[in-house]
């Protein structure tokens, strides 16, 4: 009988610890990342801080060394964010054009793609989507909400 009670107590303890485990550890994207746009010579970095409210999905608040920021959400194993950039792409005349960019990357491999849409498509067309990779340079801290 004591073996059964001991086993039951162990199973309850394991169940409680799994039930109380925060999903934020599995979904954490916090830290500093090197961004490598395939075919581009410029190098930038991202700093991400993940918040995981108990009642909703985790959000990675990302700040780019290029001066923009956005919020990425995790769904189906991919992080995705949309960023409105007034200087998002190069125009044929050498100026910069506005672009609504969508960034999406695999949460495990950190391989993704960025694509853009521009209201100035006649005078300053957006190029094709670009592939990119992210490399984690430093760990971060999850911020519980």
N, C-alpha and C. Protein backbone atom coordinates (compact mmCIF):
# COMPACT_ATOMS: atom_id res chain seq x y z
N UNK A 1 0.81 -1.18 0.00
CA UNK A 1 0.00 0.00 0.00
C UNK A 1 0.86 1.27 0.00
N UNK A 2 1.97 1.24 0.77
CA UNK A 2 2.84 2.42 0.79
C UNK A 2 3.50 2.65 -0.56
N UNK A 3 3.75 1.58 -1.31
CA UNK A 3 4.32 1.73 -2.65
C UNK A 3 3.32 2.43 -3.55
N UNK A 4 2.06 2.07 -3.46
CA UNK A 4 1.01 2.69 -4.27
C UNK A 4 0.88 4.17 -3.91
N UNK A 5 0.89 4.48 -2.61
CA UNK A 5 0.81 5.89 -2.18
C UNK A 5 2.02 6.68 -2.66
N UNK A 6 3.19 6.06 -2.55
CA UNK A 6 4.41 6.73 -3.00
C UNK A 6 4.38 7.00 -4.50
N UNK A 7 3.93 6.01 -5.26
CA UNK A 7 3.82 6.17 -6.71
C UNK A 7 2.79 7.24 -7.05
N UNK A 8 1.66 7.24 -6.35
CA UNK A 8 0.63 8.24 -6.59
C UNK A 8 1.15 9.64 -6.27
N UNK A 9 1.87 9.78 -5.17
CA UNK A 9 2.43 11.09 -4.80
C UNK A 9 3.42 11.56 -5.84
N UNK A 10 4.25 10.65 -6.34
CA UNK A 10 5.23 11.01 -7.37
C UNK A 10 4.53 11.46 -8.64
N UNK A 11 3.51 10.72 -9.07
CA UNK A 11 2.78 11.09 -10.28
C UNK A 11 2.09 12.44 -10.13
N UNK A 12 1.54 12.71 -8.96
CA UNK A 12 0.90 14.00 -8.71
C UNK A 12 1.94 15.11 -8.77
N UNK A 13 3.09 14.91 -8.14
CA UNK A 13 4.14 15.93 -8.15
C UNK A 13 4.62 16.21 -9.57
N UNK A 14 4.80 15.16 -10.36
CA UNK A 14 5.23 15.35 -11.75
C UNK A 14 4.15 16.08 -12.53
N UNK A 15 2.90 15.70 -12.34
CA UNK A 15 1.80 16.36 -13.03
C UNK A 15 1.70 17.83 -12.69
N UNK A 16 1.85 18.16 -11.41
CA UNK A 16 1.80 19.55 -10.98
C UNK A 16 2.96 20.34 -11.57
N UNK A 17 4.17 19.77 -11.56
CA UNK A 17 5.32 20.50 -12.09
C UNK A 17 5.19 20.72 -13.58
N UNK A 18 4.65 19.75 -14.32
CA UNK A 18 4.43 19.94 -15.75
C UNK A 18 3.35 20.97 -15.98
N UNK A 19 2.28 20.91 -15.18
CA UNK A 19 1.19 21.86 -15.32
C UNK A 19 1.60 23.29 -15.01
N UNK A 20 2.54 23.45 -14.07
CA UNK A 20 3.00 24.78 -13.70
C UNK A 20 4.15 25.28 -14.56
N UNK A 21 4.73 24.43 -15.37
CA UNK A 21 5.86 24.84 -16.19
C UNK A 21 5.41 25.92 -17.16
N UNK A 22 6.16 26.98 -17.22
CA UNK A 22 5.83 28.09 -18.10
C UNK A 22 6.14 27.74 -19.55
N UNK A 23 5.24 28.04 -20.48
CA UNK A 23 5.53 27.78 -21.88
C UNK A 23 6.63 28.70 -22.40
N UNK A 24 6.96 29.73 -21.63
CA UNK A 24 7.94 30.71 -22.09
C UNK A 24 9.31 30.10 -22.32
N UNK A 25 9.68 29.06 -21.58
CA UNK A 25 11.02 28.50 -21.77
C UNK A 25 11.13 27.84 -23.14
N UNK A 26 10.08 27.18 -23.58
CA UNK A 26 10.11 26.53 -24.89
C UNK A 26 10.00 27.56 -26.00
N UNK A 27 9.33 28.67 -25.74
CA UNK A 27 9.06 29.67 -26.76
C UNK A 27 10.00 30.88 -26.66
N UNK A 28 11.01 30.80 -25.85
CA UNK A 28 11.88 31.94 -25.60
C UNK A 28 12.76 32.26 -26.80
N UNK A 29 12.69 33.50 -27.26
CA UNK A 29 13.54 33.97 -28.34
C UNK A 29 14.43 35.11 -27.84
N UNK A 30 14.49 35.31 -26.53
CA UNK A 30 15.26 36.41 -25.96
C UNK A 30 16.74 36.25 -26.24
N UNK A 31 17.42 37.37 -26.47
CA UNK A 31 18.85 37.36 -26.68
C UNK A 31 19.26 38.30 -27.80
N UNK A 32 20.53 38.21 -28.17
CA UNK A 32 21.07 39.01 -29.26
C UNK A 32 21.40 38.07 -30.42
N UNK A 33 21.02 38.49 -31.64
CA UNK A 33 21.18 37.66 -32.83
C UNK A 33 21.89 38.43 -33.93
N UNK A 34 22.76 37.73 -34.66
CA UNK A 34 23.36 38.27 -35.88
C UNK A 34 22.43 37.90 -37.03
N UNK A 35 22.06 38.88 -37.84
CA UNK A 35 21.18 38.66 -38.99
C UNK A 35 22.03 38.62 -40.25
N UNK A 36 21.91 37.54 -41.01
CA UNK A 36 22.63 37.40 -42.27
C UNK A 36 21.61 37.29 -43.40
N UNK A 37 21.42 38.42 -44.13
CA UNK A 37 20.56 38.40 -45.31
C UNK A 37 21.37 37.79 -46.44
N UNK A 38 20.89 36.70 -47.01
CA UNK A 38 21.61 35.99 -48.06
C UNK A 38 21.77 36.92 -49.27
N UNK A 39 23.01 37.10 -49.72
CA UNK A 39 23.30 37.95 -50.87
C UNK A 39 23.52 39.41 -50.53
N UNK A 40 23.41 39.79 -49.27
CA UNK A 40 23.62 41.19 -48.86
C UNK A 40 24.95 41.31 -48.14
N UNK A 41 25.58 42.45 -48.31
CA UNK A 41 26.89 42.65 -47.67
C UNK A 41 26.77 43.30 -46.29
N UNK A 42 25.66 44.00 -46.04
CA UNK A 42 25.49 44.67 -44.75
C UNK A 42 25.16 43.66 -43.67
N UNK A 43 25.70 43.89 -42.49
CA UNK A 43 25.42 43.01 -41.35
C UNK A 43 24.69 43.81 -40.28
N UNK A 44 23.64 43.24 -39.77
CA UNK A 44 22.89 43.87 -38.69
C UNK A 44 22.67 42.86 -37.58
N UNK A 45 22.18 43.36 -36.47
CA UNK A 45 21.87 42.46 -35.36
C UNK A 45 20.50 42.81 -34.81
N UNK A 46 19.91 41.84 -34.15
CA UNK A 46 18.64 42.02 -33.47
C UNK A 46 18.84 41.75 -31.99
N UNK A 47 18.13 42.51 -31.17
CA UNK A 47 18.03 42.21 -29.76
C UNK A 47 16.56 41.88 -29.49
N UNK A 48 16.32 40.74 -28.87
CA UNK A 48 14.94 40.29 -28.64
C UNK A 48 14.69 40.08 -27.15
N UNK A 49 13.50 40.47 -26.73
CA UNK A 49 13.05 40.25 -25.35
C UNK A 49 11.68 39.60 -25.44
N UNK A 50 11.56 38.40 -24.92
CA UNK A 50 10.32 37.64 -25.02
C UNK A 50 9.46 37.85 -23.78
N UNK A 51 8.18 38.12 -24.00
CA UNK A 51 7.21 38.15 -22.90
C UNK A 51 6.17 37.06 -23.17
N UNK A 52 5.76 36.41 -22.11
CA UNK A 52 4.82 35.29 -22.24
C UNK A 52 3.67 35.45 -21.26
N UNK A 53 2.63 36.21 -21.63
CA UNK A 53 1.47 36.34 -20.75
C UNK A 53 0.80 34.98 -20.56
N UNK A 54 0.29 34.70 -19.36
CA UNK A 54 -0.32 33.40 -19.11
C UNK A 54 -1.52 33.09 -20.02
N UNK A 55 -2.24 34.12 -20.45
CA UNK A 55 -3.47 33.88 -21.20
C UNK A 55 -3.31 33.99 -22.71
N UNK A 56 -2.09 34.22 -23.21
CA UNK A 56 -1.93 34.33 -24.66
C UNK A 56 -0.54 33.85 -25.07
N UNK A 57 -0.28 33.90 -26.37
CA UNK A 57 0.98 33.40 -26.89
C UNK A 57 2.15 34.34 -26.57
N UNK A 58 3.35 33.78 -26.62
CA UNK A 58 4.55 34.58 -26.36
C UNK A 58 4.78 35.56 -27.50
N UNK A 59 5.36 36.71 -27.14
CA UNK A 59 5.69 37.74 -28.11
C UNK A 59 7.16 38.08 -27.93
N UNK A 60 7.91 38.13 -29.04
CA UNK A 60 9.31 38.55 -29.01
C UNK A 60 9.37 40.00 -29.48
N UNK A 61 9.77 40.89 -28.59
CA UNK A 61 9.91 42.31 -28.90
C UNK A 61 11.32 42.49 -29.47
N UNK A 62 11.41 42.82 -30.75
CA UNK A 62 12.69 42.84 -31.46
C UNK A 62 13.09 44.26 -31.80
N UNK A 63 14.35 44.60 -31.54
CA UNK A 63 14.93 45.87 -31.93
C UNK A 63 16.11 45.57 -32.84
N UNK A 64 16.12 46.19 -34.03
CA UNK A 64 17.19 45.98 -34.99
C UNK A 64 18.26 47.05 -34.83
N UNK A 65 19.51 46.69 -35.09
CA UNK A 65 20.58 47.68 -35.06
C UNK A 65 20.43 48.67 -36.21
N UNK A 66 19.51 48.40 -37.14
CA UNK A 66 19.23 49.32 -38.25
C UNK A 66 18.24 50.41 -37.87
N UNK A 67 17.74 50.38 -36.63
CA UNK A 67 16.89 51.46 -36.15
C UNK A 67 15.39 51.20 -36.16
N UNK A 68 14.96 50.01 -36.44
CA UNK A 68 13.53 49.71 -36.41
C UNK A 68 13.24 48.66 -35.35
N UNK A 69 11.96 48.51 -35.02
CA UNK A 69 11.56 47.49 -34.05
C UNK A 69 10.22 46.89 -34.45
N UNK A 70 9.93 45.71 -33.91
CA UNK A 70 8.67 45.05 -34.21
C UNK A 70 8.41 43.93 -33.20
N UNK A 71 7.21 43.41 -33.23
CA UNK A 71 6.81 42.32 -32.34
C UNK A 71 6.54 41.07 -33.16
N UNK A 72 7.25 40.00 -32.84
CA UNK A 72 7.06 38.71 -33.53
C UNK A 72 6.22 37.80 -32.66
N UNK A 73 5.36 37.04 -33.30
CA UNK A 73 4.51 36.07 -32.60
C UNK A 73 4.81 34.67 -33.12
N UNK A 74 4.76 33.71 -32.21
CA UNK A 74 5.06 32.32 -32.55
C UNK A 74 3.77 31.57 -32.84
N UNK A 75 3.70 30.94 -34.02
CA UNK A 75 2.55 30.12 -34.40
C UNK A 75 3.03 29.03 -35.35
N UNK A 76 2.66 27.80 -35.07
CA UNK A 76 3.02 26.70 -35.95
C UNK A 76 4.51 26.49 -36.11
N UNK A 77 5.29 26.82 -35.07
CA UNK A 77 6.73 26.62 -35.13
C UNK A 77 7.49 27.71 -35.86
N UNK A 78 6.80 28.82 -36.21
CA UNK A 78 7.45 29.93 -36.90
C UNK A 78 7.15 31.24 -36.17
N UNK A 79 8.19 32.07 -36.07
CA UNK A 79 8.02 33.43 -35.58
C UNK A 79 7.71 34.30 -36.80
N UNK A 80 6.75 35.24 -36.66
CA UNK A 80 6.38 36.13 -37.76
C UNK A 80 6.12 37.52 -37.21
N UNK A 81 6.62 38.53 -37.95
CA UNK A 81 6.33 39.92 -37.58
C UNK A 81 6.21 40.75 -38.85
N UNK A 82 5.42 41.81 -38.76
CA UNK A 82 5.27 42.77 -39.85
C UNK A 82 5.79 44.11 -39.35
N UNK A 83 6.62 44.75 -40.18
CA UNK A 83 7.25 46.02 -39.79
C UNK A 83 7.03 47.04 -40.91
N UNK A 84 6.52 48.22 -40.55
CA UNK A 84 6.33 49.31 -41.51
C UNK A 84 7.59 50.16 -41.51
N UNK A 85 8.35 50.09 -42.62
CA UNK A 85 9.63 50.80 -42.69
C UNK A 85 9.59 51.91 -43.74
N UNK A 86 9.76 53.16 -43.36
CA UNK A 86 9.75 54.25 -44.33
C UNK A 86 10.95 54.20 -45.27
N UNK A 87 12.00 53.48 -44.88
CA UNK A 87 13.22 53.38 -45.70
C UNK A 87 13.54 51.92 -46.00
N UNK A 88 12.52 51.11 -46.25
CA UNK A 88 12.66 49.67 -46.32
C UNK A 88 13.44 49.11 -47.49
N UNK A 89 13.50 49.83 -48.62
CA UNK A 89 14.22 49.28 -49.77
C UNK A 89 14.83 50.38 -50.63
N UNK A 90 15.78 50.00 -51.47
CA UNK A 90 16.47 50.93 -52.36
C UNK A 90 15.68 51.11 -53.65
N UNK A 91 15.58 52.36 -54.10
CA UNK A 91 14.91 52.68 -55.37
C UNK A 91 15.95 52.80 -56.48
N UNK A 92 15.53 52.68 -57.75
CA UNK A 92 16.47 52.78 -58.87
C UNK A 92 17.24 54.11 -58.91
N UNK A 93 16.62 55.20 -58.39
CA UNK A 93 17.30 56.50 -58.42
C UNK A 93 18.24 56.72 -57.23
N UNK A 94 18.41 55.69 -56.39
CA UNK A 94 19.33 55.79 -55.26
C UNK A 94 18.68 56.21 -53.95
N UNK A 95 17.42 56.61 -53.99
CA UNK A 95 16.72 56.98 -52.75
C UNK A 95 16.20 55.71 -52.07
N UNK A 96 15.59 55.90 -50.92
CA UNK A 96 15.00 54.77 -50.18
C UNK A 96 13.48 54.89 -50.25
N UNK A 97 12.80 53.76 -50.36
CA UNK A 97 11.35 53.75 -50.46
C UNK A 97 10.70 53.07 -49.27
N UNK A 98 9.46 53.48 -49.00
CA UNK A 98 8.69 52.88 -47.91
C UNK A 98 8.30 51.45 -48.26
N UNK A 99 8.26 50.62 -47.23
CA UNK A 99 7.95 49.21 -47.46
C UNK A 99 7.33 48.60 -46.20
N UNK A 100 6.30 47.79 -46.40
CA UNK A 100 5.72 47.01 -45.32
C UNK A 100 6.37 45.63 -45.42
N UNK A 101 7.24 45.31 -44.47
CA UNK A 101 8.01 44.06 -44.51
C UNK A 101 7.38 43.00 -43.62
N UNK A 102 7.39 41.77 -44.11
CA UNK A 102 6.97 40.62 -43.31
C UNK A 102 8.17 39.70 -43.14
N UNK A 103 8.55 39.50 -41.89
CA UNK A 103 9.66 38.62 -41.53
C UNK A 103 9.08 37.34 -40.95
N UNK A 104 9.57 36.19 -41.39
CA UNK A 104 9.10 34.91 -40.87
C UNK A 104 10.27 33.94 -40.81
N UNK A 105 10.44 33.25 -39.66
CA UNK A 105 11.56 32.32 -39.55
C UNK A 105 11.18 31.13 -38.68
N UNK A 106 11.86 30.01 -38.95
CA UNK A 106 11.64 28.78 -38.21
C UNK A 106 12.19 28.94 -36.80
N UNK A 107 11.40 28.59 -35.80
CA UNK A 107 11.79 28.78 -34.41
C UNK A 107 12.97 27.90 -34.00
N UNK A 108 13.18 26.79 -34.70
CA UNK A 108 14.26 25.87 -34.35
C UNK A 108 15.53 26.14 -35.16
N UNK A 109 15.39 26.24 -36.48
CA UNK A 109 16.57 26.39 -37.35
C UNK A 109 17.02 27.84 -37.48
N UNK A 110 16.14 28.79 -37.18
CA UNK A 110 16.40 30.23 -37.31
C UNK A 110 16.68 30.63 -38.75
N UNK A 111 16.11 29.90 -39.70
CA UNK A 111 16.21 30.22 -41.13
C UNK A 111 14.87 30.79 -41.55
N UNK A 112 14.89 31.90 -42.31
CA UNK A 112 13.63 32.52 -42.68
C UNK A 112 13.67 33.29 -43.97
N UNK A 113 12.62 34.10 -44.16
CA UNK A 113 12.49 34.89 -45.37
C UNK A 113 11.82 36.21 -45.01
N UNK A 114 12.26 37.27 -45.69
CA UNK A 114 11.63 38.58 -45.54
C UNK A 114 11.10 38.99 -46.91
N UNK A 115 9.88 39.51 -46.92
CA UNK A 115 9.29 40.00 -48.16
C UNK A 115 8.67 41.36 -47.87
N UNK A 116 8.45 42.13 -48.94
CA UNK A 116 7.92 43.46 -48.74
C UNK A 116 6.87 43.85 -49.76
N UNK A 117 6.06 44.84 -49.37
CA UNK A 117 5.05 45.42 -50.24
C UNK A 117 5.23 46.93 -50.16
N UNK A 118 5.14 47.60 -51.33
CA UNK A 118 5.34 49.04 -51.36
C UNK A 118 4.18 49.73 -52.06
N UNK A 119 3.76 50.88 -51.52
CA UNK A 119 2.73 51.70 -52.17
C UNK A 119 3.32 52.45 -53.36
N UNK A 120 4.64 52.52 -53.43
CA UNK A 120 5.34 53.25 -54.50
C UNK A 120 5.83 52.30 -55.59
N UNK A 121 5.11 51.22 -55.84
CA UNK A 121 5.62 50.17 -56.72
C UNK A 121 5.89 50.64 -58.14
N UNK A 122 5.21 51.68 -58.63
CA UNK A 122 5.45 52.15 -59.99
C UNK A 122 6.79 52.86 -60.11
N UNK A 123 7.15 53.68 -59.13
CA UNK A 123 8.39 54.45 -59.20
C UNK A 123 9.53 53.82 -58.42
N UNK A 124 9.21 52.98 -57.48
CA UNK A 124 10.24 52.37 -56.63
C UNK A 124 9.82 50.95 -56.27
N UNK A 125 9.95 50.02 -57.22
CA UNK A 125 9.46 48.66 -56.98
C UNK A 125 10.27 47.92 -55.91
N UNK A 126 9.58 47.04 -55.21
CA UNK A 126 10.21 46.19 -54.19
C UNK A 126 10.81 44.98 -54.89
N UNK A 127 11.99 44.59 -54.47
CA UNK A 127 12.65 43.42 -55.04
C UNK A 127 12.01 42.13 -54.55
N UNK A 128 12.57 41.01 -54.98
CA UNK A 128 12.03 39.72 -54.55
C UNK A 128 12.30 39.48 -53.06
N UNK A 129 11.63 38.49 -52.52
CA UNK A 129 11.84 38.11 -51.12
C UNK A 129 13.28 37.67 -50.91
N UNK A 130 13.81 37.94 -49.72
CA UNK A 130 15.19 37.55 -49.38
C UNK A 130 15.18 36.49 -48.30
N UNK A 131 16.05 35.50 -48.45
CA UNK A 131 16.26 34.50 -47.41
C UNK A 131 17.24 35.06 -46.38
N UNK A 132 17.14 34.61 -45.15
CA UNK A 132 18.08 35.04 -44.12
C UNK A 132 18.27 33.94 -43.09
N UNK A 133 19.34 34.09 -42.33
CA UNK A 133 19.60 33.22 -41.19
C UNK A 133 19.87 34.09 -39.97
N UNK A 134 19.57 33.57 -38.81
CA UNK A 134 19.87 34.23 -37.55
C UNK A 134 20.82 33.33 -36.76
N UNK A 135 21.80 33.95 -36.11
CA UNK A 135 22.73 33.21 -35.24
C UNK A 135 22.69 33.86 -33.87
N UNK A 136 22.42 33.07 -32.85
CA UNK A 136 22.33 33.62 -31.50
C UNK A 136 23.72 33.97 -31.00
N UNK A 137 23.89 35.24 -30.61
CA UNK A 137 25.18 35.72 -30.13
C UNK A 137 25.24 35.79 -28.61
N UNK A 138 24.09 36.01 -27.96
CA UNK A 138 24.06 36.12 -26.50
C UNK A 138 22.67 35.77 -26.00
N UNK A 139 22.61 35.18 -24.83
CA UNK A 139 21.34 34.77 -24.23
C UNK A 139 20.62 35.98 -23.67
N UNK A 140 19.33 35.84 -23.50
CA UNK A 140 18.51 36.89 -22.92
C UNK A 140 17.70 36.34 -21.77
N UNK A 141 16.77 37.15 -21.30
CA UNK A 141 15.94 36.76 -20.17
C UNK A 141 14.48 36.89 -20.57
N UNK A 142 13.68 35.89 -20.25
CA UNK A 142 12.25 35.95 -20.49
C UNK A 142 11.62 36.85 -19.45
N UNK A 143 10.72 37.72 -19.90
CA UNK A 143 10.03 38.61 -18.98
C UNK A 143 8.62 38.10 -18.77
N UNK A 144 8.30 37.54 -17.59
CA UNK A 144 6.93 37.09 -17.35
C UNK A 144 6.01 38.30 -17.23
N UNK A 145 4.77 38.13 -17.64
CA UNK A 145 3.81 39.23 -17.57
C UNK A 145 2.73 38.89 -16.59
